[in-house]
Amino acid sequence: MYYKGLETLDYLDNLKNRERFTEQGDAITFESEVDKIYLSTPTKIAIIDHERKRTFVLRKDGLPDAVVWNPWDKKAKAIPDFGDDDYKHMLCVEAACVEKPIVLKPGEEWRGRQELSAVPSSYCSGQLDPQKALQSD
């Protein structure tokens, strides 16, 4: 499983006291615990699961950042509704507003939204370019 749309962006690593780094690589994979806050992210992020032949696209508005996490084996055991190997098949990607929190005065309004949609499984088969899911409406 990997995610696209966050390459070369700055992130805060929650596992390293929110130290700031710049992401490297074309597609971001993980093989251990991950807990990152990506800053100033695009409005679309793709989560690609070749093993299960599925892809999800996260679309967001009003939420400039994105949190990506997976507890991995040790922390997953402490989560009551996780099975022993569930961490191997999950990745949480959620829209956020962390770097510059929204502060509202009385009477002010703010709107943010996120939408998660499935993309046809042929996207995972290599027949389609992963960038197309990020560029489409």
C-alpha atoms as a PDB file:
ATOM      1  CA  MET A   1       0.000   0.000   0.000  1.00  0.00           C
ATOM      2  CA  TYR A   2       1.246   3.466  -0.774  1.00  0.00           C
ATOM      3  CA  TYR A   3      -0.008   6.997  -1.209  1.00  0.00           C
ATOM      4  CA  LYS A   4       0.536   9.634  -3.888  1.00  0.00           C
ATOM      5  CA  GLY A   5       0.082  13.373  -3.965  1.00  0.00           C
ATOM      6  CA  LEU A   6       2.351  14.200  -1.028  1.00  0.00           C
ATOM      7  CA  GLU A   7       5.737  13.679  -2.676  1.00  0.00           C
ATOM      8  CA  THR A   8       8.349  16.377  -1.992  1.00  0.00           C
ATOM      9  CA  LEU A   9       6.124  18.111   0.589  1.00  0.00           C
ATOM     10  CA  ASP A  10       7.178  19.185   4.059  1.00  0.00           C
ATOM     11  CA  TYR A  11       5.785  17.218   6.987  1.00  0.00           C
ATOM     12  CA  LEU A  12       5.936  17.156  10.765  1.00  0.00           C
ATOM     13  CA  ASP A  13       6.890  13.755  12.151  1.00  0.00           C
ATOM     14  CA  ASN A  14       4.885  13.038  15.307  1.00  0.00           C
ATOM     15  CA  LEU A  15       7.245  10.163  16.112  1.00  0.00           C
ATOM     16  CA  LYS A  16      10.134  12.656  16.311  1.00  0.00           C
ATOM     17  CA  ASN A  17       8.576  15.457  18.380  1.00  0.00           C
ATOM     18  CA  ARG A  18       7.041  17.090  15.294  1.00  0.00           C
ATOM     19  CA  GLU A  19      10.426  17.690  13.694  1.00  0.00           C
ATOM     20  CA  ARG A  20      10.029  19.073  10.165  1.00  0.00           C
ATOM     21  CA  PHE A  21      11.236  17.040   7.159  1.00  0.00           C
ATOM     22  CA  THR A  22      10.739  17.053   3.384  1.00  0.00           C
ATOM     23  CA  GLU A  23       9.293  13.884   1.842  1.00  0.00           C
ATOM     24  CA  GLN A  24      11.441  12.072  -0.706  1.00  0.00           C
ATOM     25  CA  GLY A  25      10.458   9.637  -3.462  1.00  0.00           C
ATOM     26  CA  ASP A  26       7.832   9.162  -6.157  1.00  0.00           C
ATOM     27  CA  ALA A  27       5.327   7.136  -4.162  1.00  0.00           C
ATOM     28  CA  ILE A  28       5.361   6.960  -0.390  1.00  0.00           C
ATOM     29  CA  THR A  29       5.311   3.518   1.194  1.00  0.00           C
ATOM     30  CA  PHE A  30       5.631   2.446   4.808  1.00  0.00           C
ATOM     31  CA  GLU A  31       7.007  -0.624   6.566  1.00  0.00           C
ATOM     32  CA  SER A  32       6.768   0.515  10.172  1.00  0.00           C
ATOM     33  CA  GLU A  33       4.778   2.897  12.336  1.00  0.00           C
ATOM     34  CA  VAL A  34       4.059   6.219  10.648  1.00  0.00           C
ATOM     35  CA  ASP A  35       2.465   9.377  12.073  1.00  0.00           C
ATOM     36  CA  LYS A  36       3.040  12.417   9.866  1.00  0.00           C
ATOM     37  CA  ILE A  37       1.342  15.753   9.300  1.00  0.00           C
ATOM     38  CA  TYR A  38       1.867  16.857   5.686  1.00  0.00           C
ATOM     39  CA  LEU A  39       1.709  20.625   5.240  1.00  0.00           C
ATOM     40  CA  SER A  40       0.045  22.614   2.445  1.00  0.00           C
ATOM     41  CA  THR A  41      -1.167  19.504   0.663  1.00  0.00           C
ATOM     42  CA  PRO A  42      -3.021  19.288  -2.667  1.00  0.00           C
ATOM     43  CA  THR A  43      -6.794  18.926  -2.712  1.00  0.00           C
ATOM     44  CA  LYS A  44      -6.503  15.276  -3.863  1.00  0.00           C
ATOM     45  CA  ILE A  45      -4.465  12.415  -2.405  1.00  0.00           C
ATOM     46  CA  ALA A  46      -4.506   8.828  -3.748  1.00  0.00           C
ATOM     47  CA  ILE A  47      -4.214   5.751  -1.522  1.00  0.00           C
ATOM     48  CA  ILE A  48      -3.236   2.762  -3.667  1.00  0.00           C
ATOM     49  CA  ASP A  49      -3.561  -0.850  -2.517  1.00  0.00           C
ATOM     50  CA  HIS A  50      -2.181  -3.134  -5.234  1.00  0.00           C
ATOM     51  CA  GLU A  51      -2.651  -6.256  -3.094  1.00  0.00           C
ATOM     52  CA  ARG A  52      -6.418  -5.757  -2.917  1.00  0.00           C
ATOM     53  CA  LYS A  53      -6.645  -4.072  -6.327  1.00  0.00           C
ATOM     54  CA  ARG A  54      -8.278  -0.922  -5.030  1.00  0.00           C
ATOM     55  CA  THR A  55      -7.558   2.773  -4.927  1.00  0.00           C
ATOM     56  CA  PHE A  56      -9.156   5.529  -2.894  1.00  0.00           C
ATOM     57  CA  VAL A  57      -8.976   9.236  -3.625  1.00  0.00           C
ATOM     58  CA  LEU A  58      -9.276  11.723  -0.793  1.00  0.00           C
ATOM     59  CA  ARG A  59     -10.640  15.099  -1.901  1.00  0.00           C
ATOM     60  CA  LYS A  60     -10.624  17.970   0.546  1.00  0.00           C
ATOM     61  CA  ASP A  61     -11.551  21.634   0.799  1.00  0.00           C
ATOM     62  CA  GLY A  62     -10.715  24.152   3.522  1.00  0.00           C
ATOM     63  CA  LEU A  63      -8.267  21.776   5.157  1.00  0.00           C
ATOM     64  CA  PRO A  64      -4.741  22.539   3.955  1.00  0.00           C
ATOM     65  CA  ASP A  65      -2.885  19.731   5.736  1.00  0.00           C
ATOM     66  CA  ALA A  66      -3.175  15.935   5.836  1.00  0.00           C
ATOM     67  CA  VAL A  67      -2.435  13.447   8.606  1.00  0.00           C
ATOM     68  CA  VAL A  68      -1.112  10.009   7.612  1.00  0.00           C
ATOM     69  CA  TRP A  69      -0.743   7.307  10.225  1.00  0.00           C
ATOM     70  CA  ASN A  70      -0.490   3.605  10.859  1.00  0.00           C
ATOM     71  CA  PRO A  71       0.104   2.304  14.405  1.00  0.00           C
ATOM     72  CA  TRP A  72       2.032  -0.781  13.235  1.00  0.00           C
ATOM     73  CA  ASP A  73       2.199  -3.950  15.323  1.00  0.00           C
ATOM     74  CA  LYS A  74       2.969  -2.845  18.895  1.00  0.00           C
ATOM     75  CA  LYS A  75       0.524   0.067  19.108  1.00  0.00           C
ATOM     76  CA  ALA A  76      -2.113  -1.823  17.098  1.00  0.00           C
ATOM     77  CA  LYS A  77      -2.280  -4.472  19.835  1.00  0.00           C
ATOM     78  CA  ALA A  78      -3.459  -1.749  22.239  1.00  0.00           C
ATOM     79  CA  ILE A  79      -6.369  -0.756  19.959  1.00  0.00           C
ATOM     80  CA  PRO A  80      -9.349  -2.899  21.012  1.00  0.00           C
ATOM     81  CA  ASP A  81     -11.036  -3.163  17.593  1.00  0.00           C
ATOM     82  CA  PHE A  82      -7.849  -4.090  15.679  1.00  0.00           C
ATOM     83  CA  GLY A  83      -7.089  -7.698  14.828  1.00  0.00           C
ATOM     84  CA  ASP A  84      -3.499  -8.913  15.189  1.00  0.00           C
ATOM     85  CA  ASP A  85      -2.610  -8.253  11.534  1.00  0.00           C
ATOM     86  CA  ASP A  86      -5.040  -5.412  10.701  1.00  0.00           C
ATOM     87  CA  TYR A  87      -2.275  -2.810  10.778  1.00  0.00           C
ATOM     88  CA  LYS A  88      -0.775  -4.444   7.674  1.00  0.00           C
ATOM     89  CA  HIS A  89      -3.906  -3.624   5.680  1.00  0.00           C
ATOM     90  CA  MET A  90      -4.764  -0.118   6.830  1.00  0.00           C
ATOM     91  CA  LEU A  91      -3.578   3.409   6.348  1.00  0.00           C
ATOM     92  CA  CYS A  92      -5.333   6.405   7.830  1.00  0.00           C
ATOM     93  CA  VAL A  93      -5.178   9.510   5.635  1.00  0.00           C
ATOM     94  CA  GLU A  94      -7.284  12.390   6.863  1.00  0.00           C
ATOM     95  CA  ALA A  95      -7.703  16.049   5.997  1.00  0.00           C
ATOM     96  CA  ALA A  96      -6.508  18.408   8.716  1.00  0.00           C
ATOM     97  CA  CYS A  97      -5.708  21.972   9.652  1.00  0.00           C
ATOM     98  CA  VAL A  98      -2.679  21.689  11.936  1.00  0.00           C
ATOM     99  CA  GLU A  99       0.051  24.123  10.931  1.00  0.00           C
ATOM    100  CA  LYS A 100      -2.235  27.183  10.929  1.00  0.00           C
ATOM    101  CA  PRO A 101      -5.282  26.340  13.070  1.00  0.00           C
ATOM    102  CA  ILE A 102      -8.589  28.005  12.231  1.00  0.00           C
ATOM    103  CA  VAL A 103      -9.624  30.412  14.983  1.00  0.00           C
ATOM    104  CA  LEU A 104     -13.153  31.763  14.819  1.00  0.00           C
ATOM    105  CA  LYS A 105     -14.568  34.758  16.585  1.00  0.00           C
ATOM    106  CA  PRO A 106     -18.169  34.667  17.818  1.00  0.00           C
ATOM    107  CA  GLY A 107     -20.549  34.690  14.861  1.00  0.00           C
ATOM    108  CA  GLU A 108     -17.890  33.709  12.275  1.00  0.00           C
ATOM    109  CA  GLU A 109     -18.259  30.614  10.118  1.00  0.00           C
ATOM    110  CA  TRP A 110     -15.789  28.237   8.538  1.00  0.00           C
ATOM    111  CA  ARG A 111     -16.333  25.211   6.331  1.00  0.00           C
ATOM    112  CA  GLY A 112     -14.115  22.287   5.586  1.00  0.00           C
ATOM    113  CA  ARG A 113     -14.869  18.931   4.045  1.00  0.00           C
ATOM    114  CA  GLN A 114     -13.289  15.711   2.971  1.00  0.00           C
ATOM    115  CA  GLU A 115     -14.620  13.091   0.605  1.00  0.00           C
ATOM    116  CA  LEU A 116     -13.276   9.591   0.113  1.00  0.00           C
ATOM    117  CA  SER A 117     -14.133   7.782  -3.115  1.00  0.00           C
ATOM    118  CA  ALA A 118     -13.142   4.502  -4.716  1.00  0.00           C
ATOM    119  CA  VAL A 119     -11.527   4.532  -8.154  1.00  0.00           C
ATOM    120  CA  PRO A 120     -12.097   1.554 -10.517  1.00  0.00           C
ATOM    121  CA  SER A 121      -9.789  -1.365  -9.761  1.00  0.00           C
ATOM    122  CA  SER A 122      -8.214  -1.159 -13.236  1.00  0.00           C
ATOM    123  CA  TYR A 123      -6.392   1.869 -11.821  1.00  0.00           C
ATOM    124  CA  CYS A 124      -4.409  -0.577  -9.667  1.00  0.00           C
ATOM    125  CA  SER A 125      -3.705  -3.032 -12.456  1.00  0.00           C
ATOM    126  CA  GLY A 126      -1.219  -0.743 -14.148  1.00  0.00           C
ATOM    127  CA  GLN A 127      -3.580   0.005 -17.031  1.00  0.00           C
ATOM    128  CA  LEU A 128      -4.083   3.568 -15.890  1.00  0.00           C
ATOM    129  CA  ASP A 129      -1.605   6.225 -14.921  1.00  0.00           C
ATOM    130  CA  PRO A 130      -1.789   6.931 -11.135  1.00  0.00           C
ATOM    131  CA  GLN A 131      -1.570  10.671 -11.860  1.00  0.00           C
ATOM    132  CA  LYS A 132      -4.937  10.515 -13.677  1.00  0.00           C
ATOM    133  CA  ALA A 133      -6.819   9.821 -10.434  1.00  0.00           C
ATOM    134  CA  LEU A 134      -5.268  12.908  -8.894  1.00  0.00           C
ATOM    135  CA  GLN A 135      -6.016  15.094 -11.926  1.00  0.00           C
ATOM    136  CA  SER A 136      -9.628  14.054 -12.561  1.00  0.00           C
ATOM    137  CA  ASP A 137     -12.621  15.772 -10.968  1.00  0.00           C
END
